[in-house]
Amino acid sequence: MKMYPVELDNKYGYIDENGKTIVPFIFDYADEFEDEMGFVEVDGLCGFINRQGDYIIAPKYNDINYFNEGMALVELDHRYGYIDLQGNEVIKVKYEEGKGFTEGLAAVKILGKWGYINRHGNMIIPPTFDDANEFEENGLAIVRKGENYGYINGEGQCISGFIYEYANNFNEGLANVGLEGKNVYVDENFNIKIDGNFDFTNELLNGLAAVSQDNLWGYINNSGDFVIEKRYSWADNFNTEYAAVSIEDKYGFIDRNGNIIIPIEYDNVLEYSEGLFSVEINEKWGFVDLKGHIVIEPKFHEVDNFYNGVCKVIIDEKEGYINKEGEFII
């Protein structure tokens, strides 16, 4: 059963798709369920409930992240630690900052420097970095020393050298980085594979990346060849089969062959979801279908993506949920 967090008289609760109250309106804030847990806040303290409204993690932290690898980062009085799924504080709240567990390790900050701990709280990689990202599935993490970035392995060895002005995670075998003032792509051996004198780059996604060259945006493949010519004022990556593009402050969508699917005539666009595109006209949001026909009139101040046929919207500072006909169901 899908449950929706809704505000009523300055309190949050959860209702179903028919508008029936499932969890009473007793929270100061409530968020969507994730992994059968709903984030809630009461009197400035955060916790998790189950779908029956019972606390899984009682609200006693200033902030709490969703669980990753069975551990959740928590904050209390500007210090950070980790709890398990039963709410046990398995790693003491003592760090200046922290990030989620990935690949069995979590980045934590202590005495102004970042290192990595394991699930037992043991410092596996000493805190010597000025910033540190989470480990990725390829076993590498991006870290910073001074002004430069590099990639470390699970033993804490910087296998790339601290040579990059910026660095991004590897995707499809390549990472877009800043090297000696240039925007390039390197492989997992840190050899330059694409050097196209780009102004801006994005990660490769499903074989394509939106890049800017000579102040025009287009799309390259993993060989660095332009497969969609650079002609746009701005272009987003293909997060779905369609991507948002802009020409002279107007926006629309193209497909992976560069065909215009939604005319480039809107004030703004967001994303494609479940057969509909969100578009903005005169500061109001609505939706068009694949043929470009307006199916939900632009009248909302904010919209989310559709999920299971339902979309969260805001109109006149009030939240609600609509179906694909634009009818309020909640």
Foldseek 3Di string as FASTA:
>chain_A
DFWDWFDDPQFIFIDDLQRHGQGDRDFNDWDGDDPQWIWTHHPQFIFTDGSNNHTQADGDFNDWDDADPQWIWTHHPQFIFIAGSNNHGQGDRHFNDWDHADPQWIWTHDPQFIFIAGSNNHGQGDGDFNAWDYADPVQWIWTHHDQFIFIAGPNNDGQQPRAFNAWDDADPQWIWTHGPNFTFIAGPNRDTQEGDRWPDWDHQDPQWIWTHDPQFIAIDGPNHDGQGDTDFNDWDDCPDQWTWTEHPQFIAIAGPNNHTQADRHFNDWDDDAPQWTWTHHPQFIFIAGSNNHTQGDGQFNDWDHDDPQKIWTHHPNGIFIAGSNNDTSD
